[in-house]
């Protein structure tokens, strides 16, 4: 793996018909966010070879938007990624790091935000980067890491929907 993209799902509806958090759909804004971030990643020259995706409905819909921009991505959809903590997300990434040059993870906060922060600190990213994610990791935000041959991630970019399409940064 040469690149790792860690992405939070797009903005979701407040409630699902079933009443279950797991079943919430993306809001129209969430669909736009996911597509905009995917397009920015593509414009940067990235193309995920493989994705790890939570099986929650909003993450699946986020993945569909991202995959549509890139023209299809092989993926593992896994129930255990739903609301996983940073340690568990890291285990998933490490178990699949040989699945291609660029790996994409689409999951949930707070696990996503904590994992990004951990990688930023491990890679000695400066405060201009760490401060941007410390207090907020909005929906559909993606962070890109370049991964060296020893498996060490180095910050390579942050893509927030607000920067791309002016979406609000309200919590989902």
N, C-alpha and C. Protein backbone atom coordinates (compact mmCIF):
# COMPACT_ATOMS: atom_id res chain seq x y z
N UNK A 1 0.85 -1.18 0.00
CA UNK A 1 0.00 0.00 0.00
C UNK A 1 0.90 1.24 0.00
N UNK A 2 0.63 2.14 -0.95
CA UNK A 2 1.37 3.39 -1.01
C UNK A 2 0.56 4.57 -0.50
N UNK A 3 -0.76 4.46 -0.61
CA UNK A 3 -1.64 5.51 -0.12
C UNK A 3 -2.79 4.90 0.69
N UNK A 4 -3.18 5.63 1.72
CA UNK A 4 -4.31 5.27 2.56
C UNK A 4 -5.24 6.47 2.62
N UNK A 5 -6.52 6.24 2.32
CA UNK A 5 -7.53 7.29 2.42
C UNK A 5 -8.49 6.87 3.53
N UNK A 6 -8.63 7.73 4.53
CA UNK A 6 -9.57 7.47 5.61
C UNK A 6 -10.68 8.49 5.48
N UNK A 7 -11.91 8.01 5.35
CA UNK A 7 -13.05 8.87 5.06
C UNK A 7 -14.20 8.60 6.01
N UNK A 8 -14.83 9.66 6.44
CA UNK A 8 -16.06 9.55 7.22
C UNK A 8 -17.24 9.55 6.25
N UNK A 9 -18.29 8.84 6.60
CA UNK A 9 -19.49 8.81 5.75
C UNK A 9 -20.06 10.22 5.57
N UNK A 10 -20.87 10.40 4.53
CA UNK A 10 -21.52 11.68 4.26
C UNK A 10 -22.61 11.99 5.29
N UNK A 11 -23.09 13.22 5.24
CA UNK A 11 -24.15 13.69 6.13
C UNK A 11 -25.37 12.79 6.00
N UNK A 12 -25.88 12.31 7.13
CA UNK A 12 -27.00 11.37 7.14
C UNK A 12 -28.27 12.05 7.64
N UNK A 13 -29.39 11.43 7.29
CA UNK A 13 -30.68 11.86 7.82
C UNK A 13 -30.66 11.67 9.33
N UNK A 14 -31.50 12.43 10.03
CA UNK A 14 -31.55 12.33 11.50
C UNK A 14 -32.05 10.98 11.98
N UNK A 15 -33.05 10.44 11.28
CA UNK A 15 -33.67 9.18 11.71
C UNK A 15 -33.89 8.26 10.52
N UNK A 16 -33.96 6.97 10.81
CA UNK A 16 -34.33 5.96 9.81
C UNK A 16 -35.76 5.53 10.07
N UNK A 17 -36.40 5.05 9.04
CA UNK A 17 -37.77 4.54 9.20
C UNK A 17 -37.84 3.46 10.26
N UNK A 18 -36.80 2.64 10.33
CA UNK A 18 -36.76 1.54 11.30
C UNK A 18 -36.51 2.04 12.73
N UNK A 19 -36.01 3.28 12.85
CA UNK A 19 -35.64 3.81 14.16
C UNK A 19 -34.22 3.44 14.56
N UNK A 20 -33.53 2.66 13.74
CA UNK A 20 -32.18 2.21 14.04
C UNK A 20 -31.13 3.12 13.41
N UNK A 21 -30.14 3.50 14.17
CA UNK A 21 -29.04 4.32 13.66
C UNK A 21 -28.37 3.66 12.46
N UNK A 22 -28.20 2.36 12.50
CA UNK A 22 -27.55 1.59 11.46
C UNK A 22 -28.20 1.79 10.09
N UNK A 23 -29.51 2.06 10.08
CA UNK A 23 -30.29 2.12 8.84
C UNK A 23 -30.44 3.52 8.26
N UNK A 24 -29.83 4.53 8.87
CA UNK A 24 -30.02 5.90 8.37
C UNK A 24 -29.46 6.07 6.97
N UNK A 25 -30.22 6.79 6.13
CA UNK A 25 -29.81 7.12 4.76
C UNK A 25 -28.96 8.37 4.76
N UNK A 26 -28.22 8.56 3.68
CA UNK A 26 -27.56 9.84 3.48
C UNK A 26 -28.61 10.89 3.14
N UNK A 27 -28.41 12.08 3.65
CA UNK A 27 -29.21 13.23 3.25
C UNK A 27 -28.75 13.65 1.86
N UNK A 28 -29.55 14.42 1.14
CA UNK A 28 -29.09 14.91 -0.17
C UNK A 28 -27.73 15.59 -0.08
N UNK A 29 -27.51 16.36 0.98
CA UNK A 29 -26.21 16.99 1.17
C UNK A 29 -25.10 15.95 1.28
N UNK A 30 -25.36 14.84 1.97
CA UNK A 30 -24.37 13.78 2.12
C UNK A 30 -23.98 13.15 0.80
N UNK A 31 -24.95 13.01 -0.09
CA UNK A 31 -24.65 12.48 -1.43
C UNK A 31 -23.72 13.44 -2.17
N UNK A 32 -24.01 14.74 -2.09
CA UNK A 32 -23.17 15.75 -2.75
C UNK A 32 -21.77 15.78 -2.14
N UNK A 33 -21.70 15.71 -0.81
CA UNK A 33 -20.41 15.72 -0.13
C UNK A 33 -19.52 14.58 -0.60
N UNK A 34 -20.06 13.37 -0.57
CA UNK A 34 -19.28 12.19 -0.92
C UNK A 34 -18.76 12.27 -2.35
N UNK A 35 -19.62 12.69 -3.26
CA UNK A 35 -19.21 12.80 -4.66
C UNK A 35 -18.14 13.88 -4.84
N UNK A 36 -18.29 15.01 -4.14
CA UNK A 36 -17.33 16.11 -4.27
C UNK A 36 -15.96 15.71 -3.74
N UNK A 37 -15.93 15.03 -2.60
CA UNK A 37 -14.65 14.60 -2.05
C UNK A 37 -14.01 13.57 -2.95
N UNK A 38 -14.79 12.63 -3.47
CA UNK A 38 -14.24 11.62 -4.39
C UNK A 38 -13.65 12.28 -5.63
N UNK A 39 -14.34 13.26 -6.16
CA UNK A 39 -13.84 13.96 -7.34
C UNK A 39 -12.53 14.68 -7.04
N UNK A 40 -12.43 15.30 -5.86
CA UNK A 40 -11.19 15.97 -5.47
C UNK A 40 -10.05 14.97 -5.33
N UNK A 41 -10.33 13.80 -4.76
CA UNK A 41 -9.32 12.75 -4.64
C UNK A 41 -8.87 12.28 -6.01
N UNK A 42 -9.81 12.11 -6.90
CA UNK A 42 -9.50 11.68 -8.27
C UNK A 42 -8.66 12.74 -8.98
N UNK A 43 -9.04 14.01 -8.83
CA UNK A 43 -8.29 15.10 -9.43
C UNK A 43 -6.86 15.16 -8.90
N UNK A 44 -6.67 14.74 -7.66
CA UNK A 44 -5.34 14.70 -7.05
C UNK A 44 -4.50 13.56 -7.63
N UNK A 45 -5.17 12.62 -8.29
CA UNK A 45 -4.46 11.51 -8.92
C UNK A 45 -4.57 10.19 -8.19
N UNK A 46 -5.47 10.12 -7.21
CA UNK A 46 -5.65 8.87 -6.47
C UNK A 46 -6.75 8.02 -7.09
N UNK A 47 -6.62 6.71 -6.94
CA UNK A 47 -7.64 5.75 -7.36
C UNK A 47 -7.56 4.57 -6.40
N UNK A 48 -8.53 4.46 -5.48
CA UNK A 48 -8.49 3.31 -4.55
C UNK A 48 -8.58 1.97 -5.31
N UNK A 49 -7.73 1.05 -4.90
CA UNK A 49 -7.76 -0.30 -5.44
C UNK A 49 -8.71 -1.19 -4.64
N UNK A 50 -8.86 -0.84 -3.37
CA UNK A 50 -9.65 -1.66 -2.46
C UNK A 50 -10.22 -0.76 -1.36
N UNK A 51 -11.43 -1.10 -0.93
CA UNK A 51 -12.08 -0.32 0.13
C UNK A 51 -12.56 -1.22 1.26
N UNK A 52 -12.45 -0.72 2.47
CA UNK A 52 -13.04 -1.33 3.65
C UNK A 52 -14.19 -0.42 4.04
N UNK A 53 -15.40 -0.98 4.13
CA UNK A 53 -16.59 -0.16 4.31
C UNK A 53 -17.47 -0.75 5.41
N UNK A 54 -17.89 0.11 6.31
CA UNK A 54 -18.87 -0.29 7.32
C UNK A 54 -20.15 -0.71 6.61
N UNK A 55 -20.85 -1.65 7.18
CA UNK A 55 -22.09 -2.14 6.56
C UNK A 55 -23.31 -1.27 6.87
N UNK A 56 -23.14 -0.20 7.65
CA UNK A 56 -24.25 0.71 7.91
C UNK A 56 -24.69 1.34 6.60
N UNK A 57 -25.97 1.63 6.49
CA UNK A 57 -26.53 2.10 5.23
C UNK A 57 -25.86 3.38 4.72
N UNK A 58 -25.59 4.33 5.61
CA UNK A 58 -25.00 5.60 5.18
C UNK A 58 -23.57 5.44 4.67
N UNK A 59 -22.83 4.48 5.20
CA UNK A 59 -21.47 4.26 4.68
C UNK A 59 -21.53 3.54 3.34
N UNK A 60 -22.49 2.64 3.18
CA UNK A 60 -22.65 1.98 1.88
C UNK A 60 -23.03 3.00 0.80
N UNK A 61 -23.91 3.93 1.15
CA UNK A 61 -24.29 4.96 0.18
C UNK A 61 -23.12 5.89 -0.12
N UNK A 62 -22.31 6.19 0.88
CA UNK A 62 -21.11 6.99 0.65
C UNK A 62 -20.19 6.26 -0.31
N UNK A 63 -19.98 4.98 -0.06
CA UNK A 63 -19.13 4.18 -0.94
C UNK A 63 -19.67 4.15 -2.37
N UNK A 64 -20.98 4.06 -2.52
CA UNK A 64 -21.57 4.06 -3.87
C UNK A 64 -21.24 5.36 -4.60
N UNK A 65 -21.32 6.49 -3.90
CA UNK A 65 -20.99 7.78 -4.52
C UNK A 65 -19.51 7.83 -4.91
N UNK A 66 -18.66 7.39 -4.02
CA UNK A 66 -17.22 7.40 -4.28
C UNK A 66 -16.89 6.45 -5.43
N UNK A 67 -17.45 5.27 -5.39
CA UNK A 67 -17.19 4.27 -6.42
C UNK A 67 -17.67 4.74 -7.79
N UNK A 68 -18.78 5.46 -7.83
CA UNK A 68 -19.30 5.98 -9.10
C UNK A 68 -18.30 6.96 -9.73
N UNK A 69 -17.64 7.75 -8.92
CA UNK A 69 -16.66 8.71 -9.43
C UNK A 69 -15.44 7.98 -9.99
N UNK A 70 -15.01 6.92 -9.31
CA UNK A 70 -13.80 6.21 -9.71
C UNK A 70 -14.05 5.08 -10.71
N UNK A 71 -15.30 4.74 -10.94
CA UNK A 71 -15.58 3.68 -11.89
C UNK A 71 -15.51 2.28 -11.33
N UNK A 72 -15.75 2.11 -10.06
CA UNK A 72 -15.78 0.79 -9.43
C UNK A 72 -14.53 0.52 -8.61
N UNK A 73 -14.75 0.01 -7.40
CA UNK A 73 -13.66 -0.31 -6.48
C UNK A 73 -14.01 -1.62 -5.80
N UNK A 74 -13.08 -2.56 -5.77
CA UNK A 74 -13.29 -3.78 -5.00
C UNK A 74 -13.41 -3.40 -3.53
N UNK A 75 -14.29 -4.11 -2.80
CA UNK A 75 -14.52 -3.72 -1.41
C UNK A 75 -14.86 -4.91 -0.53
N UNK A 76 -14.57 -4.73 0.74
CA UNK A 76 -15.08 -5.62 1.79
C UNK A 76 -16.00 -4.78 2.66
N UNK A 77 -17.24 -5.19 2.73
CA UNK A 77 -18.23 -4.55 3.60
C UNK A 77 -18.30 -5.41 4.85
N UNK A 78 -18.13 -4.77 6.02
CA UNK A 78 -18.00 -5.56 7.23
C UNK A 78 -18.77 -4.91 8.39
N UNK A 79 -19.60 -5.71 9.05
CA UNK A 79 -20.37 -5.23 10.21
C UNK A 79 -19.46 -4.71 11.33
N UNK A 80 -18.29 -5.30 11.48
CA UNK A 80 -17.40 -4.94 12.59
C UNK A 80 -16.78 -3.56 12.43
N UNK A 81 -16.88 -2.96 11.25
CA UNK A 81 -16.36 -1.61 11.04
C UNK A 81 -17.34 -0.57 11.57
N UNK A 82 -18.62 -0.95 11.68
CA UNK A 82 -19.65 -0.04 12.19
C UNK A 82 -19.30 0.39 13.61
N UNK A 83 -19.09 1.67 13.80
CA UNK A 83 -18.74 2.28 15.10
C UNK A 83 -17.51 1.68 15.76
N UNK A 84 -16.58 1.16 14.94
CA UNK A 84 -15.35 0.60 15.48
C UNK A 84 -14.46 1.73 16.02
N UNK A 85 -13.69 1.40 17.04
CA UNK A 85 -12.75 2.37 17.58
C UNK A 85 -11.49 2.40 16.71
N UNK A 86 -10.60 3.33 17.00
CA UNK A 86 -9.41 3.51 16.16
C UNK A 86 -8.52 2.26 16.14
N UNK A 87 -8.43 1.59 17.25
CA UNK A 87 -7.61 0.36 17.31
C UNK A 87 -8.13 -0.69 16.36
N UNK A 88 -9.44 -0.89 16.35
CA UNK A 88 -10.04 -1.89 15.48
C UNK A 88 -9.92 -1.48 14.01
N UNK A 89 -10.12 -0.20 13.72
CA UNK A 89 -9.97 0.28 12.34
C UNK A 89 -8.54 0.07 11.85
N UNK A 90 -7.58 0.34 12.72
CA UNK A 90 -6.18 0.12 12.36
C UNK A 90 -5.92 -1.36 12.05
N UNK A 91 -6.53 -2.25 12.83
CA UNK A 91 -6.36 -3.68 12.58
C UNK A 91 -6.91 -4.07 11.21
N UNK A 92 -8.06 -3.52 10.85
CA UNK A 92 -8.62 -3.79 9.52
C UNK A 92 -7.67 -3.31 8.43
N UNK A 93 -7.15 -2.11 8.57
CA UNK A 93 -6.23 -1.57 7.57
C UNK A 93 -4.99 -2.45 7.46
N UNK A 94 -4.39 -2.79 8.58
CA UNK A 94 -3.18 -3.61 8.56
C UNK A 94 -3.43 -4.99 7.96
N UNK A 95 -4.60 -5.56 8.19
CA UNK A 95 -4.93 -6.88 7.64
C UNK A 95 -5.16 -6.85 6.14
N UNK A 96 -5.39 -5.66 5.58
CA UNK A 96 -5.69 -5.55 4.14
C UNK A 96 -4.70 -4.68 3.38
N UNK A 97 -3.57 -4.35 3.99
CA UNK A 97 -2.63 -3.43 3.36
C UNK A 97 -2.02 -3.96 2.07
N UNK A 98 -2.12 -5.24 1.83
CA UNK A 98 -1.56 -5.81 0.60
C UNK A 98 -2.60 -5.91 -0.52
N UNK A 99 -3.75 -5.28 -0.36
CA UNK A 99 -4.82 -5.37 -1.36
C UNK A 99 -4.68 -4.39 -2.51
N UNK A 100 -3.62 -3.60 -2.53
CA UNK A 100 -3.41 -2.68 -3.63
C UNK A 100 -2.52 -1.52 -3.23
N UNK A 101 -2.31 -0.63 -4.19
CA UNK A 101 -1.48 0.55 -3.97
C UNK A 101 -2.19 1.61 -3.13
N UNK A 102 -3.53 1.64 -3.22
CA UNK A 102 -4.30 2.67 -2.52
C UNK A 102 -5.50 2.03 -1.84
N UNK A 103 -5.55 2.14 -0.53
CA UNK A 103 -6.62 1.56 0.28
C UNK A 103 -7.52 2.67 0.79
N UNK A 104 -8.83 2.45 0.74
CA UNK A 104 -9.84 3.40 1.22
C UNK A 104 -10.60 2.77 2.38
N UNK A 105 -10.75 3.52 3.46
CA UNK A 105 -11.58 3.12 4.59
C UNK A 105 -12.72 4.12 4.70
N UNK A 106 -13.97 3.63 4.74
CA UNK A 106 -15.13 4.50 4.98
C UNK A 106 -15.81 3.99 6.24
N UNK A 107 -15.82 4.85 7.26
CA UNK A 107 -16.34 4.42 8.56
C UNK A 107 -16.97 5.61 9.29
N UNK A 108 -16.98 5.53 10.61
CA UNK A 108 -17.75 6.45 11.46
C UNK A 108 -16.87 7.14 12.49
N UNK A 109 -17.34 8.30 12.94
CA UNK A 109 -16.74 8.97 14.10
C UNK A 109 -17.28 8.33 15.37
N UNK A 110 -16.55 8.33 16.44
CA UNK A 110 -15.28 9.01 16.63
C UNK A 110 -14.07 8.20 16.17
N UNK A 111 -14.26 6.93 15.83
CA UNK A 111 -13.12 6.08 15.45
C UNK A 111 -12.28 6.64 14.33
N UNK A 112 -12.94 7.18 13.29
CA UNK A 112 -12.22 7.73 12.15
C UNK A 112 -11.36 8.91 12.58
N UNK A 113 -11.95 9.84 13.30
CA UNK A 113 -11.22 11.03 13.71
C UNK A 113 -10.04 10.67 14.61
N UNK A 114 -10.24 9.76 15.54
CA UNK A 114 -9.15 9.35 16.43
C UNK A 114 -8.04 8.66 15.66
N UNK A 115 -8.39 7.81 14.69
CA UNK A 115 -7.37 7.13 13.90
C UNK A 115 -6.56 8.13 13.08
N UNK A 116 -7.24 9.07 12.45
CA UNK A 116 -6.53 10.10 11.68
C UNK A 116 -5.58 10.86 12.61
N UNK A 117 -6.06 11.24 13.77
CA UNK A 117 -5.21 11.97 14.73
C UNK A 117 -3.99 11.14 15.12
N UNK A 118 -4.20 9.87 15.38
CA UNK A 118 -3.08 8.99 15.75
C UNK A 118 -2.04 8.94 14.64
N UNK A 119 -2.49 8.75 13.41
CA UNK A 119 -1.56 8.70 12.28
C UNK A 119 -0.85 10.04 12.09
N UNK A 120 -1.56 11.14 12.29
CA UNK A 120 -0.92 12.45 12.16
C UNK A 120 0.17 12.63 13.20
N UNK A 121 -0.12 12.24 14.43
CA UNK A 121 0.88 12.37 15.49
C UNK A 121 2.07 11.44 15.25
N UNK A 122 1.80 10.21 14.82
CA UNK A 122 2.88 9.26 14.53
C UNK A 122 3.76 9.75 13.39
N UNK A 123 3.15 10.42 12.42
CA UNK A 123 3.88 10.95 11.28
C UNK A 123 4.46 12.33 11.51
N UNK A 124 4.36 12.82 12.73
CA UNK A 124 4.90 14.12 13.13
C UNK A 124 4.36 15.27 12.29
N UNK A 125 3.07 15.21 11.97
CA UNK A 125 2.44 16.31 11.25
C UNK A 125 2.43 17.55 12.14
N UNK A 126 2.57 18.68 11.54
CA UNK A 126 2.63 19.93 12.30
C UNK A 126 1.27 20.38 12.79
N UNK A 127 1.27 21.39 13.66
CA UNK A 127 0.01 21.88 14.24
C UNK A 127 -0.95 22.47 13.21
N UNK A 128 -0.44 22.97 12.09
CA UNK A 128 -1.33 23.49 11.06
C UNK A 128 -2.24 22.40 10.50
N UNK A 129 -1.80 21.15 10.58
CA UNK A 129 -2.62 20.02 10.13
C UNK A 129 -3.42 19.45 11.29
N UNK A 130 -2.76 19.16 12.40
CA UNK A 130 -3.44 18.51 13.51
C UNK A 130 -4.56 19.38 14.08
N UNK A 131 -4.37 20.69 14.08
CA UNK A 131 -5.41 21.58 14.60
C UNK A 131 -6.67 21.53 13.74
N UNK A 132 -6.52 21.24 12.45
CA UNK A 132 -7.68 21.19 11.54
C UNK A 132 -8.59 20.00 11.81
N UNK A 133 -8.07 18.96 12.46
CA UNK A 133 -8.91 17.78 12.73
C UNK A 133 -9.16 17.56 14.21
N UNK A 134 -8.45 18.26 15.05
CA UNK A 134 -8.55 18.01 16.50
C UNK A 134 -9.97 18.18 17.03
N UNK A 135 -10.62 19.26 16.68
CA UNK A 135 -11.94 19.54 17.24
C UNK A 135 -13.10 19.13 16.35
N UNK A 136 -12.82 18.84 15.10
CA UNK A 136 -13.91 18.54 14.18
C UNK A 136 -13.42 17.68 13.02
N UNK A 137 -14.20 16.66 12.70
CA UNK A 137 -13.94 15.84 11.52
C UNK A 137 -15.30 15.66 10.84
N UNK A 138 -15.71 16.68 10.06
CA UNK A 138 -17.06 16.70 9.49
C UNK A 138 -17.37 15.51 8.59
N UNK A 139 -18.63 15.33 8.33
CA UNK A 139 -19.07 14.26 7.45
C UNK A 139 -18.40 14.37 6.09
N UNK A 140 -18.10 13.21 5.51
CA UNK A 140 -17.47 13.03 4.19
C UNK A 140 -16.05 13.57 4.10
N UNK A 141 -15.47 13.98 5.22
CA UNK A 141 -14.08 14.41 5.21
C UNK A 141 -13.19 13.20 4.95
N UNK A 142 -12.15 13.43 4.16
CA UNK A 142 -11.17 12.36 3.87
C UNK A 142 -9.77 12.89 4.13
N UNK A 143 -8.95 12.05 4.73
CA UNK A 143 -7.54 12.36 4.94
C UNK A 143 -6.73 11.33 4.19
N UNK A 144 -5.73 11.81 3.47
CA UNK A 144 -4.86 10.95 2.67
C UNK A 144 -3.49 10.86 3.35
N UNK A 145 -2.99 9.65 3.40
CA UNK A 145 -1.64 9.40 3.92
C UNK A 145 -0.84 8.68 2.86
N UNK A 146 0.40 9.09 2.72
CA UNK A 146 1.35 8.33 1.92
C UNK A 146 2.00 7.34 2.88
N UNK A 147 2.14 6.09 2.47
CA UNK A 147 2.66 5.05 3.34
C UNK A 147 4.00 4.58 2.80
N UNK A 148 5.05 4.64 3.63
CA UNK A 148 6.37 4.23 3.17
C UNK A 148 6.52 2.71 3.22
N UNK A 149 7.65 2.21 2.77
CA UNK A 149 7.86 0.76 2.69
C UNK A 149 7.83 0.08 4.05
N UNK A 150 8.08 0.83 5.12
CA UNK A 150 8.02 0.28 6.48
C UNK A 150 6.60 0.35 7.06
N UNK A 151 5.65 0.89 6.27
CA UNK A 151 4.26 0.98 6.73
C UNK A 151 3.95 2.22 7.54
N UNK A 152 4.84 3.21 7.53
CA UNK A 152 4.62 4.44 8.29
C UNK A 152 3.84 5.45 7.45
N UNK A 153 2.71 5.92 7.99
CA UNK A 153 1.91 6.90 7.25
C UNK A 153 2.41 8.33 7.45
N UNK A 154 2.42 9.08 6.35
CA UNK A 154 2.76 10.50 6.38
C UNK A 154 1.62 11.27 5.76
N UNK A 155 1.20 12.34 6.41
CA UNK A 155 0.10 13.16 5.93
C UNK A 155 0.34 13.63 4.49
N UNK A 156 -0.72 13.49 3.66
CA UNK A 156 -0.61 13.88 2.26
C UNK A 156 -1.80 14.73 1.79
N UNK A 157 -2.76 15.00 2.65
CA UNK A 157 -3.85 15.87 2.24
C UNK A 157 -5.11 15.67 3.05
N UNK A 158 -5.88 16.76 3.18
CA UNK A 158 -7.16 16.75 3.90
C UNK A 158 -8.21 17.33 2.98
N UNK A 159 -9.31 16.61 2.82
CA UNK A 159 -10.39 17.02 1.93
C UNK A 159 -11.68 17.15 2.73
N UNK A 160 -12.09 18.39 2.97
CA UNK A 160 -13.33 18.66 3.70
C UNK A 160 -14.36 19.19 2.71
N UNK A 161 -15.59 18.66 2.78
CA UNK A 161 -16.62 19.13 1.85
C UNK A 161 -16.82 20.64 1.88
N UNK A 162 -16.71 21.24 3.06
CA UNK A 162 -16.90 22.70 3.16
C UNK A 162 -15.91 23.43 2.26
N UNK A 163 -14.68 22.92 2.16
CA UNK A 163 -13.67 23.53 1.32
C UNK A 163 -13.96 23.33 -0.17
N UNK A 164 -14.72 22.29 -0.47
CA UNK A 164 -14.98 21.94 -1.87
C UNK A 164 -16.31 22.47 -2.40
N UNK A 165 -17.36 22.37 -1.56
CA UNK A 165 -18.70 22.75 -2.02
C UNK A 165 -19.42 23.68 -1.06
N UNK A 166 -18.76 24.08 0.00
CA UNK A 166 -19.37 25.00 0.95
C UNK A 166 -20.39 24.39 1.87
N UNK A 167 -20.35 23.07 2.08
CA UNK A 167 -21.30 22.41 2.98
C UNK A 167 -21.07 22.87 4.41
N UNK A 168 -22.13 22.92 5.19
CA UNK A 168 -22.02 23.26 6.60
C UNK A 168 -21.26 22.17 7.33
N UNK A 169 -20.62 22.54 8.43
CA UNK A 169 -19.87 21.58 9.23
C UNK A 169 -20.63 21.14 10.47
N UNK A 170 -21.95 21.10 10.40
CA UNK A 170 -22.72 20.67 11.56
C UNK A 170 -22.54 19.18 11.78
N UNK A 171 -22.56 18.70 13.00
CA UNK A 171 -22.35 17.27 13.28
C UNK A 171 -23.48 16.41 12.71
N UNK A 172 -23.12 15.18 12.37
CA UNK A 172 -24.11 14.23 11.85
C UNK A 172 -24.47 13.21 12.90
